[in-house]
């Protein structure tokens, strides 16, 4: 109603702000002011994702920034790269006032001019630390998340985004020492498998036992789809948030596709047939050539699969003669196991329901010293090209 009123007045050369329009609508409906009307509407129709008892009724207006592919958490620092004019204007307004801005998460990254319905309800109030203009006309802004807020309105006002928000209060923290200890160990395994460098995280674990802060810091560093990260942001019970993180860190919950299970067996068969003591990444890559999902990605990178197969077979038959043994079955090398584990993490990151050969192919690139990675590079298959193919739905 406020938007309609503003547009109608504009046709008559009368210009008012969005907040002024909200106040006028409230008085037309017989309510003293917009804050009161907002509270009344909120009490009648409340989103189930935000517990009623944890919403406050006092609202405030802030400049706002819509984010396409990032979910910011409190207690963490983020560099943002912005280029939309409305976003730049909002940042300028924030720097001129209290240096606080609402970071709203878009439901769909492709939307260029998001409205209230295009952003999630829970957002993060952040403090602006520094703004740096870049050579391409965009800006790098360093922000630090302060606290969660719930959006009551979100719109472009005077060429800049502005949001009305209400604070949300997290549930009281319960004792979660055992859960924190479990996540501490699992997160070490997660960062090692994913190649994530977090030199400060272990000191942070030693200094705090606040489950909410620990959950937010860990969630920030996990590689997850935006939807999964938003679910963590919108979970207001700190212990429940930790439990969700524990489940996401549990790689065993990501099943293996039928095709990839057969591919792994084929890799071991390649090693057993040659009586090799170990199943290496080269055995795995040879099997991935026959994997439906992985081979589709390699073909999308214009790889000559016949030439790649020939190079792998020559390596296995000539360079691994010293590993021939009389044992009955080959044992996967440590690198083979790392790729297997990393594949599960990549499947989780891109939202796959099960681990596929395409995930294993991407996981293999991190083993830069392996002949398998070298042969892929020689045939034009790189991590970047594979990622782009998977993003297009290949494999």
Protein backbone atom coordinates (compact mmCIF):
# COMPACT_ATOMS: atom_id res chain seq x y z
CA UNK A 1 0.00 0.00 0.00
CA UNK A 2 2.85 2.36 0.81
CA UNK A 3 4.50 1.67 -2.53
CA UNK A 4 1.22 2.27 -4.41
CA UNK A 5 0.71 5.54 -2.52
CA UNK A 6 4.21 6.76 -3.39
CA UNK A 7 3.75 5.92 -7.07
CA UNK A 8 0.36 7.66 -7.19
CA UNK A 9 1.72 10.82 -5.57
CA UNK A 10 4.71 10.82 -7.93
CA UNK A 11 2.35 11.15 -10.92
CA UNK A 12 1.07 14.35 -9.27
CA UNK A 13 4.60 15.70 -8.74
CA UNK A 14 4.53 14.96 -5.01
CA UNK A 15 7.54 13.06 -3.70
CA UNK A 16 7.70 11.37 -0.30
CA UNK A 17 10.05 8.76 1.16
CA UNK A 18 9.09 5.15 1.68
CA UNK A 19 9.11 5.60 5.47
CA UNK A 20 6.82 8.66 5.19
CA UNK A 21 4.47 6.63 3.00
CA UNK A 22 4.36 3.85 5.62
CA UNK A 23 3.42 6.39 8.30
CA UNK A 24 0.60 7.78 6.11
CA UNK A 25 -0.80 4.31 5.42
CA UNK A 26 -0.72 3.51 9.13
CA UNK A 27 -2.74 6.63 9.99
CA UNK A 28 -5.22 5.88 7.18
CA UNK A 29 -5.81 2.52 8.84
CA UNK A 30 -6.41 4.17 12.21
CA UNK A 31 -3.06 3.23 13.77
CA UNK A 32 -0.77 5.76 15.44
CA UNK A 33 2.42 4.92 13.55
CA UNK A 34 4.16 2.34 11.36
CA UNK A 35 6.00 0.65 14.22
CA UNK A 36 2.66 -0.17 15.87
CA UNK A 37 1.09 -1.37 12.62
CA UNK A 38 4.12 -3.50 11.82
CA UNK A 39 3.88 -5.17 15.21
CA UNK A 40 0.15 -5.84 14.69
CA UNK A 41 0.70 -7.36 11.26
CA UNK A 42 3.61 -9.40 12.54
CA UNK A 43 1.56 -10.79 15.42
CA UNK A 44 -1.20 -11.94 13.05
CA UNK A 45 0.97 -13.49 10.35
CA UNK A 46 4.30 -14.71 11.59
CA UNK A 47 6.78 -16.72 9.54
CA UNK A 48 7.21 -20.13 11.17
CA UNK A 49 10.97 -20.03 10.49
CA UNK A 50 11.42 -17.36 13.19
CA UNK A 51 10.20 -18.36 16.69
CA UNK A 52 7.64 -15.84 17.95
CA UNK A 53 9.10 -15.46 21.44
CA UNK A 54 12.46 -14.45 20.03
CA UNK A 55 11.38 -11.43 17.98
CA UNK A 56 11.49 -7.94 19.45
CA UNK A 57 8.94 -5.30 18.44
CA UNK A 58 11.21 -2.24 18.07
CA UNK A 59 12.17 -1.72 14.45
CA UNK A 60 14.95 0.34 12.89
CA UNK A 61 15.91 1.44 9.38
CA UNK A 62 19.36 0.85 7.85
CA UNK A 63 20.99 1.09 4.42
CA UNK A 64 20.91 -2.42 2.91
CA UNK A 65 23.04 -4.52 0.58
CA UNK A 66 21.59 -7.57 -1.26
CA UNK A 67 24.10 -10.44 -1.55
CA UNK A 68 23.90 -12.90 -4.45
CA UNK A 69 26.01 -15.84 -3.31
CA UNK A 70 27.21 -15.16 0.24
CA UNK A 71 25.63 -15.83 3.63
CA UNK A 72 27.31 -13.59 6.24
CA UNK A 73 27.40 -14.68 9.89
CA UNK A 74 27.92 -12.61 13.05
CA UNK A 75 31.38 -12.55 14.65
CA UNK A 76 33.13 -12.87 11.29
CA UNK A 77 34.79 -10.48 8.82
CA UNK A 78 34.00 -10.51 5.09
CA UNK A 79 35.37 -8.67 2.06
CA UNK A 80 32.46 -7.81 -0.27
CA UNK A 81 32.86 -6.82 -3.92
CA UNK A 82 30.00 -4.58 -5.05
CA UNK A 83 29.13 -2.91 -8.31
CA UNK A 84 25.36 -2.31 -8.41
CA UNK A 85 24.63 1.42 -8.22
CA UNK A 86 21.91 0.97 -5.60
CA UNK A 87 24.35 -1.03 -3.46
CA UNK A 88 27.11 1.58 -3.78
CA UNK A 89 24.64 4.30 -2.77
CA UNK A 90 23.59 2.29 0.27
CA UNK A 91 27.23 1.89 1.31
CA UNK A 92 27.83 5.63 0.91
CA UNK A 93 24.83 6.35 3.15
CA UNK A 94 26.11 3.88 5.73
CA UNK A 95 29.58 5.45 5.80
CA UNK A 96 27.99 8.88 6.26
CA UNK A 97 25.96 7.70 9.26
CA UNK A 98 26.67 4.94 11.76
CA UNK A 99 28.71 2.66 9.44
CA UNK A 100 26.11 -0.07 9.91
CA UNK A 101 24.41 -1.86 7.03
CA UNK A 102 21.97 -4.75 6.65
CA UNK A 103 23.32 -7.63 4.56
CA UNK A 104 20.33 -9.40 2.97
CA UNK A 105 20.67 -12.76 1.21
CA UNK A 106 19.01 -13.15 -2.19
CA UNK A 107 16.94 -16.25 -2.81
CA UNK A 108 18.10 -16.32 -6.46
CA UNK A 109 21.49 -14.97 -7.52
CA UNK A 110 20.25 -14.13 -11.02
CA UNK A 111 17.86 -11.39 -9.83
CA UNK A 112 19.47 -8.01 -10.57
CA UNK A 113 16.97 -5.75 -8.78
CA UNK A 114 15.69 -7.77 -5.81
CA UNK A 115 12.55 -6.80 -3.90
CA UNK A 116 11.35 -7.84 -0.45
CA UNK A 117 10.05 -11.16 -1.78
CA UNK A 118 13.45 -11.90 -3.41
CA UNK A 119 15.44 -11.94 -0.17
CA UNK A 120 15.37 -14.25 2.85
CA UNK A 121 13.79 -12.95 6.05
CA UNK A 122 16.78 -13.38 8.37
CA UNK A 123 19.68 -11.04 7.56
CA UNK A 124 22.87 -9.87 9.25
CA UNK A 125 23.52 -6.40 10.59
CA UNK A 126 27.16 -5.60 9.83
CA UNK A 127 29.67 -2.88 10.55
CA UNK A 128 31.60 -1.31 7.66
CA UNK A 129 35.34 -1.27 8.30
CA UNK A 130 36.82 0.10 5.07
CA UNK A 131 35.88 0.89 1.46
CA UNK A 132 38.35 0.55 -1.39
CA UNK A 133 37.60 1.57 -5.01
CA UNK A 134 38.90 -0.91 -7.62
CA UNK A 135 40.24 -0.27 -11.11
CA UNK A 136 37.20 -1.81 -12.83
CA UNK A 137 34.80 0.67 -11.21
CA UNK A 138 33.59 -1.69 -8.50
CA UNK A 139 34.34 -1.48 -4.78
CA UNK A 140 35.82 -3.77 -2.15
CA UNK A 141 34.27 -3.23 1.25
CA UNK A 142 35.40 -4.95 4.43
CA UNK A 143 32.54 -5.75 6.81
CA UNK A 144 32.17 -7.45 10.17
CA UNK A 145 28.95 -9.25 11.08
CA UNK A 146 27.38 -7.95 14.31
CA UNK A 147 24.07 -9.76 14.90
CA UNK A 148 21.06 -11.42 13.29
CA UNK A 149 18.04 -9.32 12.37
CA UNK A 150 14.66 -10.07 10.78
CA UNK A 151 13.58 -8.02 7.77
CA UNK A 152 10.27 -6.17 7.93
CA UNK A 153 10.76 -4.30 4.65
CA UNK A 154 13.38 -4.14 1.92
CA UNK A 155 13.17 -1.74 -1.00
CA UNK A 156 15.11 0.66 -3.20
CA UNK A 157 14.53 4.16 -1.87
CA UNK A 158 16.10 7.22 -3.50
CA UNK A 159 18.41 5.00 -5.63
CA UNK A 160 19.66 3.06 -2.60
CA UNK A 161 18.42 -0.06 -0.82
CA UNK A 162 16.97 0.44 2.64
CA UNK A 163 15.69 -2.14 5.08
CA UNK A 164 13.50 -2.03 8.14
CA UNK A 165 14.58 -4.68 10.62
CA UNK A 166 13.78 -6.02 14.05
CA UNK A 167 16.35 -7.69 16.29
CA UNK A 168 16.09 -11.42 16.95
CA UNK A 169 17.37 -12.99 20.14
CA UNK A 170 18.94 -16.43 20.17
CA UNK A 171 17.75 -19.13 22.52
CA UNK A 172 19.61 -19.51 25.80
CA UNK A 173 22.80 -21.52 25.36
CA UNK A 174 22.90 -24.98 26.93
CA UNK A 175 25.91 -27.03 27.90
CA UNK A 176 27.38 -28.38 24.67
CA UNK A 177 30.93 -29.36 25.66
CA UNK A 178 30.71 -32.86 24.17
CA UNK A 179 29.21 -31.51 20.95
CA UNK A 180 31.89 -28.81 20.68
CA UNK A 181 34.60 -31.43 21.23
CA UNK A 182 33.12 -33.59 18.45
CA UNK A 183 32.90 -30.66 16.01
CA UNK A 184 36.47 -29.63 16.87
CA UNK A 185 37.74 -33.02 15.70
CA UNK A 186 35.46 -33.32 12.69
CA UNK A 187 36.27 -29.81 11.51
CA UNK A 188 40.00 -30.58 11.60
CA UNK A 189 39.36 -33.53 9.28
CA UNK A 190 37.11 -31.36 7.09
CA UNK A 191 39.69 -28.58 6.63
CA UNK A 192 42.47 -31.08 5.94
CA UNK A 193 40.43 -32.90 3.29
CA UNK A 194 39.26 -29.67 1.67
CA UNK A 195 42.60 -27.87 1.79
CA UNK A 196 41.17 -25.01 3.88
CA UNK A 197 43.76 -22.96 5.78
CA UNK A 198 42.37 -21.68 9.09
CA UNK A 199 45.38 -20.78 11.25
CA UNK A 200 43.27 -18.89 13.80
CA UNK A 201 40.39 -21.32 14.26
CA UNK A 202 42.00 -23.65 16.77
CA UNK A 203 43.01 -20.74 19.02
CA UNK A 204 39.40 -19.53 18.81
CA UNK A 205 38.15 -22.95 19.97
CA UNK A 206 40.50 -22.75 22.96
CA UNK A 207 39.35 -19.26 23.95
CA UNK A 208 35.57 -19.62 23.77
CA UNK A 209 32.94 -22.16 24.75
CA UNK A 210 30.00 -20.17 23.38
CA UNK A 211 28.13 -22.65 21.11
CA UNK A 212 26.57 -19.86 19.04
CA UNK A 213 29.89 -18.18 18.25
CA UNK A 214 31.58 -21.50 17.50
CA UNK A 215 28.72 -22.52 15.18
CA UNK A 216 28.91 -19.22 13.27
CA UNK A 217 32.69 -19.28 12.86
CA UNK A 218 32.68 -22.89 11.63
CA UNK A 219 29.70 -22.30 9.31
CA UNK A 220 31.52 -19.35 7.74
CA UNK A 221 34.40 -21.57 6.66
CA UNK A 222 32.37 -24.53 5.40
CA UNK A 223 31.83 -24.88 1.66
CA UNK A 224 28.04 -25.26 1.35
CA UNK A 225 25.26 -24.20 -1.01
CA UNK A 226 23.65 -20.86 -0.10
CA UNK A 227 20.43 -22.60 0.97
CA UNK A 228 22.26 -24.79 3.51
CA UNK A 229 24.19 -21.85 4.90
CA UNK A 230 21.03 -19.77 5.22
CA UNK A 231 19.39 -22.58 7.18
CA UNK A 232 22.26 -22.32 9.67
CA UNK A 233 21.92 -18.53 9.84
CA UNK A 234 18.16 -18.77 10.46
CA UNK A 235 18.52 -21.39 13.23
CA UNK A 236 18.26 -19.31 16.40
CA UNK A 237 19.02 -22.10 18.87
CA UNK A 238 22.86 -22.23 19.14
CA UNK A 239 22.98 -25.89 20.14
CA UNK A 240 20.63 -26.94 17.32
CA UNK A 241 22.86 -24.98 14.95
CA UNK A 242 25.87 -26.92 16.21
CA UNK A 243 23.97 -30.19 15.73
CA UNK A 244 23.18 -29.24 12.12
CA UNK A 245 26.86 -28.45 11.52
CA UNK A 246 27.86 -31.79 13.00
CA UNK A 247 25.52 -33.53 10.56
CA UNK A 248 26.95 -31.54 7.63
CA UNK A 249 30.48 -32.47 8.69
CA UNK A 250 29.53 -36.15 8.78
CA UNK A 251 30.65 -37.26 5.32
CA UNK A 252 29.11 -40.71 5.77
CA UNK A 253 25.69 -39.11 5.29
CA UNK A 254 26.49 -38.36 1.66
CA UNK A 255 25.76 -41.63 -0.18
CA UNK A 256 27.80 -42.83 -3.16
CA UNK A 257 26.06 -43.11 -6.51
CA UNK A 258 25.77 -46.53 -8.13
CA UNK A 259 27.99 -45.43 -11.02
CA UNK A 260 30.77 -44.13 -8.79
CA UNK A 261 30.69 -47.23 -6.59
CA UNK A 262 31.26 -49.30 -9.75
CA UNK A 263 34.05 -46.92 -10.82
CA UNK A 264 35.90 -47.37 -7.54
CA UNK A 265 35.63 -51.16 -7.89
CA UNK A 266 36.96 -50.87 -11.44
CA UNK A 267 39.94 -48.83 -10.22
CA UNK A 268 40.82 -51.57 -7.74
CA UNK A 269 40.35 -54.15 -10.52
CA UNK A 270 42.84 -52.26 -12.73
CA UNK A 271 45.40 -52.56 -9.92
CA UNK A 272 44.60 -56.20 -9.12
CA UNK A 273 44.82 -57.26 -12.78
CA UNK A 274 48.34 -55.83 -12.96
CA UNK A 275 49.15 -57.32 -9.53
CA UNK A 276 50.03 -53.87 -8.23
CA UNK A 277 50.38 -53.60 -4.48
CA UNK A 278 48.59 -50.23 -4.37
CA UNK A 279 45.62 -48.71 -6.19
CA UNK A 280 46.80 -45.22 -7.18
CA UNK A 281 45.17 -42.13 -8.60
CA UNK A 282 46.20 -43.31 -12.06
CA UNK A 283 44.15 -46.48 -11.59
CA UNK A 284 41.25 -44.29 -10.42
CA UNK A 285 41.53 -41.90 -13.38
CA UNK A 286 41.62 -44.84 -15.81
CA UNK A 287 38.33 -46.02 -14.29
CA UNK A 288 36.88 -42.49 -14.39
CA UNK A 289 37.32 -42.48 -18.19
CA UNK A 290 34.57 -45.11 -18.29
CA UNK A 291 32.46 -43.35 -15.63
CA UNK A 292 29.40 -41.71 -17.23
CA UNK A 293 29.50 -38.50 -15.19
CA UNK A 294 33.28 -38.00 -15.10
CA UNK A 295 33.78 -38.79 -18.79
CA UNK A 296 31.03 -36.30 -19.72
CA UNK A 297 32.91 -33.56 -17.86
CA UNK A 298 36.21 -34.50 -19.52
CA UNK A 299 34.60 -34.47 -22.96
CA UNK A 300 33.15 -31.03 -22.17
CA UNK A 301 36.77 -29.93 -21.63
CA UNK A 302 37.58 -31.24 -25.15
CA UNK A 303 39.79 -34.02 -23.77
CA UNK A 304 40.95 -36.83 -26.04
CA UNK A 305 39.83 -39.74 -23.86
CA UNK A 306 41.55 -42.28 -26.11
CA UNK A 307 44.88 -40.48 -25.78
CA UNK A 308 44.39 -40.05 -22.04
CA UNK A 309 43.67 -43.77 -21.66
CA UNK A 310 46.78 -44.64 -23.64
CA UNK A 311 48.96 -42.38 -21.49
CA UNK A 312 47.57 -43.87 -18.27
CA UNK A 313 48.02 -47.45 -19.42
CA UNK A 314 51.62 -46.77 -20.45
CA UNK A 315 52.33 -45.25 -17.05
CA UNK A 316 50.70 -48.11 -15.15
CA UNK A 317 52.39 -50.83 -17.21
CA UNK A 318 55.87 -49.29 -17.27
CA UNK A 319 56.31 -47.00 -14.28
CA UNK A 320 54.69 -49.14 -11.58
CA UNK A 321 56.48 -52.43 -12.28
CA UNK A 322 58.30 -52.12 -8.97
CA UNK A 323 54.97 -52.34 -7.10
CA UNK A 324 54.05 -55.78 -8.47
CA UNK A 325 53.32 -58.17 -5.62
CA UNK A 326 51.77 -61.57 -5.00
CA UNK A 327 49.09 -60.20 -2.67
CA UNK A 328 45.50 -60.93 -3.65
CA UNK A 329 44.09 -57.40 -3.60
CA UNK A 330 45.49 -53.89 -3.98
CA UNK A 331 45.28 -51.33 -1.20
CA UNK A 332 44.22 -47.76 -2.05
CA UNK A 333 46.99 -45.22 -1.50
CA UNK A 334 46.61 -42.29 0.91
CA UNK A 335 46.07 -40.00 -2.10
CA UNK A 336 43.30 -42.28 -3.38
CA UNK A 337 41.60 -42.06 0.03
CA UNK A 338 42.00 -38.28 0.16
CA UNK A 339 40.36 -37.89 -3.24
CA UNK A 340 37.53 -40.17 -2.13
CA UNK A 341 36.93 -38.04 0.97
CA UNK A 342 37.30 -34.77 -0.90
CA UNK A 343 34.80 -35.95 -3.51
CA UNK A 344 32.18 -36.27 -0.77
CA UNK A 345 32.90 -32.71 0.31
CA UNK A 346 32.55 -31.41 -3.25
CA UNK A 347 29.26 -33.27 -3.64
CA UNK A 348 28.05 -31.56 -0.49
CA UNK A 349 29.31 -28.18 -1.68
CA UNK A 350 27.43 -28.28 -5.00
CA UNK A 351 24.33 -29.85 -3.48
CA UNK A 352 24.56 -33.32 -5.05
CA UNK A 353 22.40 -35.94 -3.35
CA UNK A 354 25.14 -38.55 -3.87
CA UNK A 355 28.86 -38.59 -4.66
CA UNK A 356 29.55 -39.07 -8.38
CA UNK A 357 32.55 -39.61 -10.60
CA UNK A 358 32.38 -35.92 -11.56
CA UNK A 359 33.01 -35.01 -7.91
CA UNK A 360 35.96 -37.42 -7.78
CA UNK A 361 37.41 -35.90 -10.95
CA UNK A 362 37.30 -32.41 -9.41
CA UNK A 363 38.77 -33.77 -6.17
CA UNK A 364 41.72 -35.21 -8.07
CA UNK A 365 43.05 -31.79 -9.17
CA UNK A 366 44.26 -31.01 -5.64
CA UNK A 367 46.83 -33.82 -5.92
CA UNK A 368 49.06 -31.63 -8.07
CA UNK A 369 52.16 -33.85 -7.79
CA UNK A 370 50.43 -36.94 -9.15
CA UNK A 371 50.95 -38.16 -12.74
CA UNK A 372 47.16 -38.37 -13.01
CA UNK A 373 46.80 -34.60 -12.49
CA UNK A 374 49.67 -33.98 -14.92
CA UNK A 375 48.05 -36.14 -17.63
CA UNK A 376 44.73 -34.34 -17.17
CA UNK A 377 46.48 -30.98 -17.62
CA UNK A 378 48.23 -32.23 -20.77
CA UNK A 379 44.83 -33.09 -22.24
CA UNK A 380 43.33 -29.68 -21.40
CA UNK A 381 41.27 -30.78 -18.39
CA UNK A 382 41.67 -28.17 -15.65
CA UNK A 383 39.81 -27.52 -12.40
CA UNK A 384 38.37 -24.29 -13.76
CA UNK A 385 37.04 -25.87 -16.97
CA UNK A 386 35.63 -28.83 -15.05
CA UNK A 387 33.87 -26.55 -12.58
CA UNK A 388 32.32 -24.54 -15.41
CA UNK A 389 31.10 -27.72 -17.11
CA UNK A 390 29.53 -28.99 -13.89
CA UNK A 391 27.89 -25.58 -13.32
CA UNK A 392 26.25 -25.97 -16.76
CA UNK A 393 24.79 -29.30 -15.65
CA UNK A 394 27.30 -31.54 -17.42
CA UNK A 395 27.74 -34.88 -15.68
